[in-house]
Amino acid sequence: MKSLWLCALSLTAHEIGTTRVVGTIGEQYKIEVTTDAASLDEKLAQFGSFEEAYPRRMKIFFDGAAAQPAITRSGDVIVMTGAVPQGAKTFSLKNGWNFSTYALTVNGVTDWVGGGELSKTYSLDAPAKSEVVRQYLWLGFTHIVPLGLDHVLFVLGLYLLSGKWRSVLWQVSAFTLAHTITLALSISGVIAVRAEIVEPLIAVSIAYVAVENILHKELKAWRIALVFGFGLLHGMGFAGVLQELGLPRGEFITALLSFNIGVEFGQLAVVAGAFALIGWRWSEREWYRPRIVVPASVAIACIAVFWTVERILA
């Protein structure tokens, strides 16, 4: 339990940093970088003025050759523009100013890129439907495993209440239905709730589920209703990430469904992993609840309370 607590203190809920990069490329290109201005200014202080230093570590490549974009900055947003070389087939980018994993979206295709690493090579042709499905399935899955520690702990909290599959199925089904509803409504612009409100409430939902595991041994009817309500919150959290990633034009529904299915696969992987590690061998033992369920739930509750305070104060 101690190691889990220390690990949580050293990790944020989504290890994807604060930077996102969106590229729109046709005959002209526009690369928009949204980053933390204060952090960037601290780095620039060591390397010189923005106009001189920034292009040296932010590199754009067409067919492997470096481009020379025009660069402007307004606070947190940096925009690089220019003409795409005649006949260029591929694009890649290297962001040497970023040290955390960030989302890079190029003509609707999104990947996580490690800070300072060269991105994958993007084709400048429109992505095929199969490519959109593959990309967004993977993005949905990795948003849970390994990037979504808060969602992982919530699903573990649902699993820990009871080792019986009926209990897990009812809760996961209610959660899935709810977050699918708000994910679709948020992405469609029907509802909009600020992340400053959603993220602390998600942490509260994790703490609540963990505390209920300590106080109750069996699934109660009100728990399913509460899980459904918490799922609505988590769906808005998923939508925030998906909005940052962007959705490809012409493949909006395909990308949205693929991302949601990827999230479900991630949740099922968490449940399957918990069952394989502790459930199938020990869930029927008398000592399973006092030695595993209660201590694990206490650890999850403590982590969630820490996140709640951290997100409120952020």
C-alpha atoms as a PDB file:
ATOM      1  CA  MET A   1       0.000   0.000   0.000  1.00  0.00           C
ATOM      2  CA  LYS A   2       2.859   2.350   0.858  1.00  0.00           C
ATOM      3  CA  SER A   3       4.477   1.887  -2.535  1.00  0.00           C
ATOM      4  CA  LEU A   4       1.137   2.547  -4.285  1.00  0.00           C
ATOM      5  CA  TRP A   5       0.701   5.774  -2.316  1.00  0.00           C
ATOM      6  CA  LEU A   6       4.228   6.994  -3.124  1.00  0.00           C
ATOM      7  CA  CYS A   7       3.726   6.124  -6.774  1.00  0.00           C
ATOM      8  CA  ALA A   8       0.533   8.168  -6.895  1.00  0.00           C
ATOM      9  CA  LEU A   9       2.223  11.200  -5.377  1.00  0.00           C
ATOM     10  CA  SER A  10       4.800  11.131  -8.147  1.00  0.00           C
ATOM     11  CA  LEU A  11       2.291  10.721 -10.986  1.00  0.00           C
ATOM     12  CA  THR A  12      -0.392  12.973 -12.341  1.00  0.00           C
ATOM     13  CA  ALA A  13      -3.693  11.473 -13.397  1.00  0.00           C
ATOM     14  CA  HIS A  14      -2.813  11.789 -17.114  1.00  0.00           C
ATOM     15  CA  GLU A  15       0.855  11.666 -17.924  1.00  0.00           C
ATOM     16  CA  ILE A  16       0.491  13.680 -21.123  1.00  0.00           C
ATOM     17  CA  GLY A  17       1.872  17.055 -20.124  1.00  0.00           C
ATOM     18  CA  THR A  18       0.232  20.389 -20.919  1.00  0.00           C
ATOM     19  CA  THR A  19       1.405  20.828 -24.515  1.00  0.00           C
ATOM     20  CA  ARG A  20      -0.633  19.921 -27.584  1.00  0.00           C
ATOM     21  CA  VAL A  21       0.255  20.395 -31.231  1.00  0.00           C
ATOM     22  CA  VAL A  22      -2.243  20.542 -34.092  1.00  0.00           C
ATOM     23  CA  GLY A  23      -1.134  20.600 -37.711  1.00  0.00           C
ATOM     24  CA  THR A  24      -3.303  21.436 -40.720  1.00  0.00           C
ATOM     25  CA  ILE A  25      -1.499  20.707 -43.968  1.00  0.00           C
ATOM     26  CA  GLY A  26      -2.635  21.268 -47.539  1.00  0.00           C
ATOM     27  CA  GLU A  27      -0.861  23.510 -50.050  1.00  0.00           C
ATOM     28  CA  GLN A  28      -0.002  25.624 -47.013  1.00  0.00           C
ATOM     29  CA  TYR A  29       0.702  24.352 -43.516  1.00  0.00           C
ATOM     30  CA  LYS A  30      -0.217  25.694 -40.109  1.00  0.00           C
ATOM     31  CA  ILE A  31       1.207  24.160 -36.935  1.00  0.00           C
ATOM     32  CA  GLU A  32      -0.396  25.449 -33.745  1.00  0.00           C
ATOM     33  CA  VAL A  33       1.394  24.706 -30.476  1.00  0.00           C
ATOM     34  CA  THR A  34      -0.440  25.298 -27.203  1.00  0.00           C
ATOM     35  CA  THR A  35       1.919  25.149 -24.243  1.00  0.00           C
ATOM     36  CA  ASP A  36       2.570  26.604 -20.794  1.00  0.00           C
ATOM     37  CA  ALA A  37       3.926  30.109 -21.365  1.00  0.00           C
ATOM     38  CA  ALA A  38       5.693  30.421 -18.010  1.00  0.00           C
ATOM     39  CA  SER A  39       7.515  27.121 -18.464  1.00  0.00           C
ATOM     40  CA  LEU A  40       8.559  28.056 -22.004  1.00  0.00           C
ATOM     41  CA  ASP A  41       9.841  31.453 -20.860  1.00  0.00           C
ATOM     42  CA  GLU A  42      11.998  29.758 -18.215  1.00  0.00           C
ATOM     43  CA  LYS A  43      13.579  27.558 -20.884  1.00  0.00           C
ATOM     44  CA  LEU A  44      14.039  30.454 -23.313  1.00  0.00           C
ATOM     45  CA  ALA A  45      15.876  32.422 -20.629  1.00  0.00           C
ATOM     46  CA  GLN A  46      18.700  29.900 -20.940  1.00  0.00           C
ATOM     47  CA  PHE A  47      18.877  29.870 -24.736  1.00  0.00           C
ATOM     48  CA  GLY A  48      18.112  33.382 -25.981  1.00  0.00           C
ATOM     49  CA  SER A  49      15.216  35.251 -27.539  1.00  0.00           C
ATOM     50  CA  PHE A  50      12.104  33.459 -28.750  1.00  0.00           C
ATOM     51  CA  GLU A  51      12.690  34.401 -32.395  1.00  0.00           C
ATOM     52  CA  GLU A  52      16.219  32.988 -32.384  1.00  0.00           C
ATOM     53  CA  ALA A  53      15.990  30.057 -29.985  1.00  0.00           C
ATOM     54  CA  TYR A  54      12.573  28.543 -30.650  1.00  0.00           C
ATOM     55  CA  PRO A  55      13.182  27.458 -34.277  1.00  0.00           C
ATOM     56  CA  ARG A  56      16.416  25.711 -33.289  1.00  0.00           C
ATOM     57  CA  ARG A  57      14.569  23.119 -31.188  1.00  0.00           C
ATOM     58  CA  MET A  58      11.163  23.022 -32.878  1.00  0.00           C
ATOM     59  CA  LYS A  59      11.758  21.330 -36.230  1.00  0.00           C
ATOM     60  CA  ILE A  60       9.282  20.647 -39.049  1.00  0.00           C
ATOM     61  CA  PHE A  61      10.200  18.168 -41.786  1.00  0.00           C
ATOM     62  CA  PHE A  62       8.704  17.468 -45.207  1.00  0.00           C
ATOM     63  CA  ASP A  63      10.060  14.312 -46.820  1.00  0.00           C
ATOM     64  CA  GLY A  64      12.832  14.440 -44.221  1.00  0.00           C
ATOM     65  CA  ALA A  65      14.008  17.954 -45.133  1.00  0.00           C
ATOM     66  CA  ALA A  66      13.732  20.738 -42.526  1.00  0.00           C
ATOM     67  CA  ALA A  67      11.301  23.561 -43.307  1.00  0.00           C
ATOM     68  CA  GLN A  68      11.750  27.235 -42.416  1.00  0.00           C
ATOM     69  CA  PRO A  69       8.350  28.409 -41.149  1.00  0.00           C
ATOM     70  CA  ALA A  70       7.219  31.878 -40.171  1.00  0.00           C
ATOM     71  CA  ILE A  71       6.660  31.825 -36.405  1.00  0.00           C
ATOM     72  CA  THR A  72       4.410  34.014 -34.275  1.00  0.00           C
ATOM     73  CA  ARG A  73       3.536  33.819 -30.603  1.00  0.00           C
ATOM     74  CA  SER A  74       0.596  35.046 -28.540  1.00  0.00           C
ATOM     75  CA  GLY A  75       0.853  33.982 -24.908  1.00  0.00           C
ATOM     76  CA  ASP A  76       0.432  30.212 -24.672  1.00  0.00           C
ATOM     77  CA  VAL A  77      -0.097  29.755 -28.419  1.00  0.00           C
ATOM     78  CA  ILE A  78       2.671  29.526 -31.000  1.00  0.00           C
ATOM     79  CA  VAL A  79       1.775  29.357 -34.698  1.00  0.00           C
ATOM     80  CA  MET A  80       4.129  28.229 -37.469  1.00  0.00           C
ATOM     81  CA  THR A  81       3.085  28.695 -41.080  1.00  0.00           C
ATOM     82  CA  GLY A  82       4.513  28.265 -44.542  1.00  0.00           C
ATOM     83  CA  ALA A  83       4.096  26.695 -47.964  1.00  0.00           C
ATOM     84  CA  VAL A  84       4.288  22.914 -48.318  1.00  0.00           C
ATOM     85  CA  PRO A  85       7.126  22.008 -50.714  1.00  0.00           C
ATOM     86  CA  GLN A  86       5.917  20.995 -54.157  1.00  0.00           C
ATOM     87  CA  GLY A  87       5.212  17.257 -54.309  1.00  0.00           C
ATOM     88  CA  ALA A  88       5.869  16.632 -50.599  1.00  0.00           C
ATOM     89  CA  LYS A  89       4.424  13.300 -49.471  1.00  0.00           C
ATOM     90  CA  THR A  90       5.261  13.101 -45.758  1.00  0.00           C
ATOM     91  CA  PHE A  91       5.460  15.259 -42.659  1.00  0.00           C
ATOM     92  CA  SER A  92       7.167  14.832 -39.290  1.00  0.00           C
ATOM     93  CA  LEU A  93       7.966  17.055 -36.338  1.00  0.00           C
ATOM     94  CA  LYS A  94      10.414  17.196 -33.441  1.00  0.00           C
ATOM     95  CA  ASN A  95       9.535  19.325 -30.417  1.00  0.00           C
ATOM     96  CA  GLY A  96      12.729  19.828 -28.445  1.00  0.00           C
ATOM     97  CA  TRP A  97      11.040  22.257 -26.056  1.00  0.00           C
ATOM     98  CA  ASN A  98       8.747  19.651 -24.542  1.00  0.00           C
ATOM     99  CA  PHE A  99       9.863  16.995 -22.077  1.00  0.00           C
ATOM    100  CA  SER A 100       6.497  15.337 -21.374  1.00  0.00           C
ATOM    101  CA  THR A 101       4.390  13.186 -23.670  1.00  0.00           C
ATOM    102  CA  TYR A 102       2.070  15.371 -25.734  1.00  0.00           C
ATOM    103  CA  ALA A 103      -0.711  14.958 -28.295  1.00  0.00           C
ATOM    104  CA  LEU A 104       0.216  15.652 -31.919  1.00  0.00           C
ATOM    105  CA  THR A 105      -2.672  15.847 -34.406  1.00  0.00           C
ATOM    106  CA  VAL A 106      -1.865  16.072 -38.102  1.00  0.00           C
ATOM    107  CA  ASN A 107      -4.798  16.388 -40.532  1.00  0.00           C
ATOM    108  CA  GLY A 108      -7.045  14.616 -38.039  1.00  0.00           C
ATOM    109  CA  VAL A 109      -4.666  11.755 -37.194  1.00  0.00           C
ATOM    110  CA  THR A 110      -3.440  11.856 -33.601  1.00  0.00           C
ATOM    111  CA  ASP A 111      -0.592  10.206 -31.721  1.00  0.00           C
ATOM    112  CA  TRP A 112       1.127  10.576 -28.369  1.00  0.00           C
ATOM    113  CA  VAL A 113       4.722  11.734 -28.882  1.00  0.00           C
ATOM    114  CA  GLY A 114       7.452  11.566 -26.272  1.00  0.00           C
ATOM    115  CA  GLY A 115       9.010  14.919 -25.404  1.00  0.00           C
ATOM    116  CA  GLY A 116      12.046  15.614 -27.543  1.00  0.00           C
ATOM    117  CA  GLU A 117      11.383  12.636 -29.814  1.00  0.00           C
ATOM    118  CA  LEU A 118      10.865  12.718 -33.559  1.00  0.00           C
ATOM    119  CA  SER A 119       7.230  12.053 -34.352  1.00  0.00           C
ATOM    120  CA  LYS A 120       6.180   9.276 -36.656  1.00  0.00           C
ATOM    121  CA  THR A 121       6.057  10.071 -40.365  1.00  0.00           C
ATOM    122  CA  TYR A 122       2.580  11.234 -41.427  1.00  0.00           C
ATOM    123  CA  SER A 123       1.267  10.759 -44.930  1.00  0.00           C
ATOM    124  CA  LEU A 124      -0.120  13.963 -46.390  1.00  0.00           C
ATOM    125  CA  ASP A 125      -2.886  11.981 -48.081  1.00  0.00           C
ATOM    126  CA  ALA A 126      -6.260  11.829 -46.309  1.00  0.00           C
ATOM    127  CA  PRO A 127      -6.298   8.994 -43.736  1.00  0.00           C
ATOM    128  CA  ALA A 128      -8.225   5.868 -44.689  1.00  0.00           C
ATOM    129  CA  LYS A 129     -11.159   4.814 -42.504  1.00  0.00           C
ATOM    130  CA  SER A 130      -9.192   1.776 -41.316  1.00  0.00           C
ATOM    131  CA  GLU A 131      -6.362   4.061 -40.194  1.00  0.00           C
ATOM    132  CA  VAL A 132      -8.786   6.288 -38.260  1.00  0.00           C
ATOM    133  CA  VAL A 133     -10.262   3.225 -36.531  1.00  0.00           C
ATOM    134  CA  ARG A 134      -6.821   1.912 -35.613  1.00  0.00           C
ATOM    135  CA  GLN A 135      -5.579   5.278 -34.363  1.00  0.00           C
ATOM    136  CA  TYR A 136      -8.584   6.085 -32.184  1.00  0.00           C
ATOM    137  CA  LEU A 137      -8.965   2.572 -30.794  1.00  0.00           C
ATOM    138  CA  TRP A 138      -5.380   2.819 -29.617  1.00  0.00           C
ATOM    139  CA  LEU A 139      -5.832   6.354 -28.270  1.00  0.00           C
ATOM    140  CA  GLY A 140      -8.912   5.256 -26.301  1.00  0.00           C
ATOM    141  CA  PHE A 141      -7.142   2.210 -24.890  1.00  0.00           C
ATOM    142  CA  THR A 142      -3.983   4.076 -23.895  1.00  0.00           C
ATOM    143  CA  HIS A 143      -6.064   6.821 -22.291  1.00  0.00           C
ATOM    144  CA  ILE A 144      -6.975   4.154 -19.728  1.00  0.00           C
ATOM    145  CA  VAL A 145      -3.843   1.959 -19.763  1.00  0.00           C
ATOM    146  CA  PRO A 146      -1.311   3.329 -18.982  1.00  0.00           C
ATOM    147  CA  LEU A 147      -2.155   7.066 -19.075  1.00  0.00           C
ATOM    148  CA  GLY A 148      -5.408   7.180 -17.093  1.00  0.00           C
ATOM    149  CA  LEU A 149      -4.414   6.276 -13.537  1.00  0.00           C
ATOM    150  CA  ASP A 150      -7.528   7.938 -12.114  1.00  0.00           C
ATOM    151  CA  HIS A 151      -9.845   5.930 -14.369  1.00  0.00           C
ATOM    152  CA  VAL A 152      -7.871   2.748 -13.583  1.00  0.00           C
ATOM    153  CA  LEU A 153      -8.380   3.284  -9.847  1.00  0.00           C
ATOM    154  CA  PHE A 154     -12.088   3.952 -10.359  1.00  0.00           C
ATOM    155  CA  VAL A 155     -12.544   0.690 -12.273  1.00  0.00           C
ATOM    156  CA  LEU A 156     -10.495  -1.169  -9.644  1.00  0.00           C
ATOM    157  CA  GLY A 157     -12.793   0.319  -7.014  1.00  0.00           C
ATOM    158  CA  LEU A 158     -15.804  -1.076  -8.866  1.00  0.00           C
ATOM    159  CA  TYR A 159     -14.152  -4.491  -9.085  1.00  0.00           C
ATOM    160  CA  LEU A 160     -13.075  -4.664  -5.432  1.00  0.00           C
ATOM    161  CA  LEU A 161     -16.579  -4.401  -3.939  1.00  0.00           C
ATOM    162  CA  SER A 162     -17.296  -8.033  -4.751  1.00  0.00           C
ATOM    163  CA  GLY A 163     -15.494 -10.764  -6.641  1.00  0.00           C
ATOM    164  CA  LYS A 164     -18.798 -11.910  -8.159  1.00  0.00           C
ATOM    165  CA  TRP A 165     -19.072 -11.255 -11.874  1.00  0.00           C
ATOM    166  CA  ARG A 166     -22.705 -10.104 -11.596  1.00  0.00           C
ATOM    167  CA  SER A 167     -21.641  -7.270  -9.298  1.00  0.00           C
ATOM    168  CA  VAL A 168     -18.830  -6.202 -11.621  1.00  0.00           C
ATOM    169  CA  LEU A 169     -21.048  -6.494 -14.721  1.00  0.00           C
ATOM    170  CA  TRP A 170     -23.838  -4.315 -13.314  1.00  0.00           C
ATOM    171  CA  GLN A 171     -21.438  -1.569 -12.265  1.00  0.00           C
ATOM    172  CA  VAL A 172     -19.296  -1.556 -15.407  1.00  0.00           C
ATOM    173  CA  SER A 173     -22.411  -1.586 -17.615  1.00  0.00           C
ATOM    174  CA  ALA A 174     -23.895   1.421 -15.788  1.00  0.00           C
ATOM    175  CA  PHE A 175     -20.556   3.233 -15.981  1.00  0.00           C
ATOM    176  CA  THR A 176     -20.116   2.456 -19.685  1.00  0.00           C
ATOM    177  CA  LEU A 177     -23.629   3.600 -20.637  1.00  0.00           C
ATOM    178  CA  ALA A 178     -23.238   6.845 -18.712  1.00  0.00           C
ATOM    179  CA  HIS A 179     -19.834   7.876 -19.997  1.00  0.00           C
ATOM    180  CA  THR A 180     -20.855   7.009 -23.567  1.00  0.00           C
ATOM    181  CA  ILE A 181     -23.794   9.440 -23.273  1.00  0.00           C
ATOM    182  CA  THR A 182     -21.785  12.409 -21.979  1.00  0.00           C
ATOM    183  CA  LEU A 183     -18.823  11.699 -24.256  1.00  0.00           C
ATOM    184  CA  ALA A 184     -21.093  11.948 -27.307  1.00  0.00           C
ATOM    185  CA  LEU A 185     -23.005  14.992 -25.989  1.00  0.00           C
ATOM    186  CA  SER A 186     -19.807  16.846 -25.035  1.00  0.00           C
ATOM    187  CA  ILE A 187     -18.044  16.198 -28.325  1.00  0.00           C
ATOM    188  CA  SER A 188     -21.187  17.255 -30.206  1.00  0.00           C
ATOM    189  CA  GLY A 189     -21.277  20.537 -28.264  1.00  0.00           C
ATOM    190  CA  VAL A 190     -24.645  19.839 -26.627  1.00  0.00           C
ATOM    191  CA  ILE A 191     -23.174  20.126 -23.126  1.00  0.00           C
ATOM    192  CA  ALA A 192     -20.026  21.852 -21.922  1.00  0.00           C
ATOM    193  CA  VAL A 193     -18.635  21.766 -18.375  1.00  0.00           C
ATOM    194  CA  ARG A 194     -15.242  23.235 -17.527  1.00  0.00           C
ATOM    195  CA  ALA A 195     -12.424  20.837 -16.664  1.00  0.00           C
ATOM    196  CA  GLU A 196     -11.858  22.791 -13.419  1.00  0.00           C
ATOM    197  CA  ILE A 197     -15.228  21.426 -12.263  1.00  0.00           C
ATOM    198  CA  VAL A 198     -15.160  17.959 -13.827  1.00  0.00           C
ATOM    199  CA  GLU A 199     -11.686  16.832 -12.772  1.00  0.00           C
ATOM    200  CA  PRO A 200     -12.095  17.371  -8.977  1.00  0.00           C
ATOM    201  CA  LEU A 201     -15.499  15.656  -9.116  1.00  0.00           C
ATOM    202  CA  ILE A 202     -13.940  12.662 -10.877  1.00  0.00           C
ATOM    203  CA  ALA A 203     -11.460  12.398  -8.009  1.00  0.00           C
ATOM    204  CA  VAL A 204     -14.340  12.623  -5.511  1.00  0.00           C
ATOM    205  CA  SER A 205     -16.116   9.773  -7.331  1.00  0.00           C
ATOM    206  CA  ILE A 206     -13.048   7.560  -6.935  1.00  0.00           C
ATOM    207  CA  ALA A 207     -12.857   8.332  -3.205  1.00  0.00           C
ATOM    208  CA  TYR A 208     -16.568   7.629  -2.730  1.00  0.00           C
ATOM    209  CA  VAL A 209     -16.434   4.227  -4.430  1.00  0.00           C
ATOM    210  CA  ALA A 210     -13.387   3.247  -2.357  1.00  0.00           C
ATOM    211  CA  VAL A 211     -15.027   4.305   0.927  1.00  0.00           C
ATOM    212  CA  GLU A 212     -18.181   2.348   0.050  1.00  0.00           C
ATOM    213  CA  ASN A 213     -16.017  -0.735  -0.475  1.00  0.00           C
ATOM    214  CA  ILE A 214     -14.843  -0.367   3.121  1.00  0.00           C
ATOM    215  CA  LEU A 215     -18.343   0.127   4.550  1.00  0.00           C
ATOM    216  CA  HIS A 216     -20.318  -2.423   2.499  1.00  0.00           C
ATOM    217  CA  LYS A 217     -19.708  -6.017   1.458  1.00  0.00           C
ATOM    218  CA  GLU A 218     -22.356  -6.423  -1.241  1.00  0.00           C
ATOM    219  CA  LEU A 219     -23.701  -4.432  -4.180  1.00  0.00           C
ATOM    220  CA  LYS A 220     -26.589  -2.129  -3.237  1.00  0.00           C
ATOM    221  CA  ALA A 221     -29.154  -0.655  -5.629  1.00  0.00           C
ATOM    222  CA  TRP A 222     -28.069   2.919  -4.895  1.00  0.00           C
ATOM    223  CA  ARG A 223     -24.490   2.051  -5.828  1.00  0.00           C
ATOM    224  CA  ILE A 224     -25.505   1.338  -9.431  1.00  0.00           C
ATOM    225  CA  ALA A 225     -27.311   4.696  -9.644  1.00  0.00           C
ATOM    226  CA  LEU A 226     -24.279   6.491  -8.211  1.00  0.00           C
ATOM    227  CA  VAL A 227     -21.902   4.684 -10.569  1.00  0.00           C
ATOM    228  CA  PHE A 228     -24.115   5.815 -13.451  1.00  0.00           C
ATOM    229  CA  GLY A 229     -23.864   9.417 -12.201  1.00  0.00           C
ATOM    230  CA  PHE A 230     -20.108   9.116 -11.801  1.00  0.00           C
ATOM    231  CA  GLY A 231     -19.917   7.695 -15.317  1.00  0.00           C
ATOM    232  CA  LEU A 232     -21.493  10.898 -16.623  1.00  0.00           C
ATOM    233  CA  LEU A 233     -18.613  12.818 -15.040  1.00  0.00           C
ATOM    234  CA  HIS A 234     -15.963  10.495 -16.428  1.00  0.00           C
ATOM    235  CA  GLY A 235     -17.500  10.796 -19.900  1.00  0.00           C
ATOM    236  CA  MET A 236     -16.969  14.558 -19.782  1.00  0.00           C
ATOM    237  CA  GLY A 237     -13.379  13.883 -18.762  1.00  0.00           C
ATOM    238  CA  PHE A 238     -12.922  11.566 -21.758  1.00  0.00           C
ATOM    239  CA  ALA A 239     -14.434  14.251 -23.979  1.00  0.00           C
ATOM    240  CA  GLY A 240     -11.900  16.805 -22.766  1.00  0.00           C
ATOM    241  CA  VAL A 241      -9.047  14.568 -23.847  1.00  0.00           C
ATOM    242  CA  LEU A 242     -10.688  13.740 -27.177  1.00  0.00           C
ATOM    243  CA  GLN A 243     -11.259  17.441 -27.895  1.00  0.00           C
ATOM    244  CA  GLU A 244      -7.561  18.064 -27.297  1.00  0.00           C
ATOM    245  CA  LEU A 245      -6.682  15.264 -29.704  1.00  0.00           C
ATOM    246  CA  GLY A 246      -9.086  16.494 -32.367  1.00  0.00           C
ATOM    247  CA  LEU A 247     -11.381  14.514 -34.630  1.00  0.00           C
ATOM    248  CA  PRO A 248     -10.714  14.040 -38.363  1.00  0.00           C
ATOM    249  CA  ARG A 249     -13.059  15.829 -40.731  1.00  0.00           C
ATOM    250  CA  GLY A 250     -15.364  13.434 -42.517  1.00  0.00           C
ATOM    251  CA  GLU A 251     -14.697  10.649 -39.992  1.00  0.00           C
ATOM    252  CA  PHE A 252     -16.207  12.231 -36.874  1.00  0.00           C
ATOM    253  CA  ILE A 253     -18.501   9.316 -35.966  1.00  0.00           C
ATOM    254  CA  THR A 254     -15.890   6.681 -36.825  1.00  0.00           C
ATOM    255  CA  ALA A 255     -13.268   8.334 -34.627  1.00  0.00           C
ATOM    256  CA  LEU A 256     -15.696   8.924 -31.747  1.00  0.00           C
ATOM    257  CA  LEU A 257     -16.956   5.320 -31.711  1.00  0.00           C
ATOM    258  CA  SER A 258     -13.434   3.931 -32.085  1.00  0.00           C
ATOM    259  CA  PHE A 259     -12.159   6.016 -29.172  1.00  0.00           C
ATOM    260  CA  ASN A 260     -15.051   4.916 -26.965  1.00  0.00           C
ATOM    261  CA  ILE A 261     -14.528   1.256 -27.850  1.00  0.00           C
ATOM    262  CA  GLY A 262     -10.834   1.678 -27.088  1.00  0.00           C
ATOM    263  CA  VAL A 263     -11.771   3.053 -23.660  1.00  0.00           C
ATOM    264  CA  GLU A 264     -13.958  -0.019 -23.057  1.00  0.00           C
ATOM    265  CA  PHE A 265     -11.112  -2.344 -24.011  1.00  0.00           C
ATOM    266  CA  GLY A 266      -8.900  -0.474 -21.549  1.00  0.00           C
ATOM    267  CA  GLN A 267     -11.471  -0.886 -18.757  1.00  0.00           C
ATOM    268  CA  LEU A 268     -11.893  -4.583 -19.527  1.00  0.00           C
ATOM    269  CA  ALA A 269      -8.117  -4.978 -19.436  1.00  0.00           C
ATOM    270  CA  VAL A 270      -8.073  -3.482 -15.922  1.00  0.00           C
ATOM    271  CA  VAL A 271     -10.844  -5.825 -14.725  1.00  0.00           C
ATOM    272  CA  ALA A 272      -9.217  -8.849 -16.377  1.00  0.00           C
ATOM    273  CA  GLY A 273      -5.854  -7.945 -14.862  1.00  0.00           C
ATOM    274  CA  ALA A 274      -7.340  -7.620 -11.369  1.00  0.00           C
ATOM    275  CA  PHE A 275      -9.164 -10.920 -11.741  1.00  0.00           C
ATOM    276  CA  ALA A 276      -6.026 -12.685 -12.959  1.00  0.00           C
ATOM    277  CA  LEU A 277      -3.838 -11.287 -10.180  1.00  0.00           C
ATOM    278  CA  ILE A 278      -6.120 -11.617  -7.151  1.00  0.00           C
ATOM    279  CA  GLY A 279      -9.713 -12.530  -7.996  1.00  0.00           C
ATOM    280  CA  TRP A 280      -9.670 -16.032  -9.400  1.00  0.00           C
ATOM    281  CA  ARG A 281      -7.436 -17.414  -6.659  1.00  0.00           C
ATOM    282  CA  TRP A 282      -8.473 -15.612  -3.503  1.00  0.00           C
ATOM    283  CA  SER A 283     -11.855 -13.832  -3.849  1.00  0.00           C
ATOM    284  CA  GLU A 284     -13.706 -16.630  -2.038  1.00  0.00           C
ATOM    285  CA  ARG A 285     -11.253 -16.821   0.878  1.00  0.00           C
ATOM    286  CA  GLU A 286     -12.335 -15.504   4.269  1.00  0.00           C
ATOM    287  CA  TRP A 287      -9.287 -13.259   4.519  1.00  0.00           C
ATOM    288  CA  TYR A 288      -9.774 -11.719   1.044  1.00  0.00           C
ATOM    289  CA  ARG A 289     -11.832  -8.762   2.255  1.00  0.00           C
ATOM    290  CA  PRO A 290      -9.812  -7.748   5.355  1.00  0.00           C
ATOM    291  CA  ARG A 291      -6.417  -8.333   3.737  1.00  0.00           C
ATOM    292  CA  ILE A 292      -6.990  -7.161   0.160  1.00  0.00           C
ATOM    293  CA  VAL A 293     -10.281  -5.314  -0.391  1.00  0.00           C
ATOM    294  CA  VAL A 294     -10.127  -3.014   2.642  1.00  0.00           C
ATOM    295  CA  PRO A 295      -6.403  -2.066   2.480  1.00  0.00           C
ATOM    296  CA  ALA A 296      -6.556  -1.522  -1.301  1.00  0.00           C
ATOM    297  CA  SER A 297      -9.700   0.593  -0.943  1.00  0.00           C
ATOM    298  CA  VAL A 298      -8.094   2.673   1.802  1.00  0.00           C
ATOM    299  CA  ALA A 299      -5.102   3.312  -0.478  1.00  0.00           C
ATOM    300  CA  ILE A 300      -7.370   4.270  -3.402  1.00  0.00           C
ATOM    301  CA  ALA A 301      -9.426   6.601  -1.176  1.00  0.00           C
ATOM    302  CA  CYS A 302      -6.293   8.358   0.125  1.00  0.00           C
ATOM    303  CA  ILE A 303      -4.940   8.852  -3.383  1.00  0.00           C
ATOM    304  CA  ALA A 304      -8.306  10.180  -4.599  1.00  0.00           C
ATOM    305  CA  VAL A 305      -8.559  12.665  -1.704  1.00  0.00           C
ATOM    306  CA  PHE A 306      -5.050  13.865  -2.533  1.00  0.00           C
ATOM    307  CA  TRP A 307      -6.069  14.332  -6.180  1.00  0.00           C
ATOM    308  CA  THR A 308      -9.249  16.173  -5.153  1.00  0.00           C
ATOM    309  CA  VAL A 309      -7.311  18.719  -3.128  1.00  0.00           C
ATOM    310  CA  GLU A 310      -4.619  19.003  -5.811  1.00  0.00           C
ATOM    311  CA  ARG A 311      -7.174  19.643  -8.573  1.00  0.00           C
ATOM    312  CA  ILE A 312      -9.146  22.183  -6.551  1.00  0.00           C
ATOM    313  CA  LEU A 313      -5.984  24.143  -5.765  1.00  0.00           C
ATOM    314  CA  ALA A 314      -4.533  23.876  -9.288  1.00  0.00           C
END
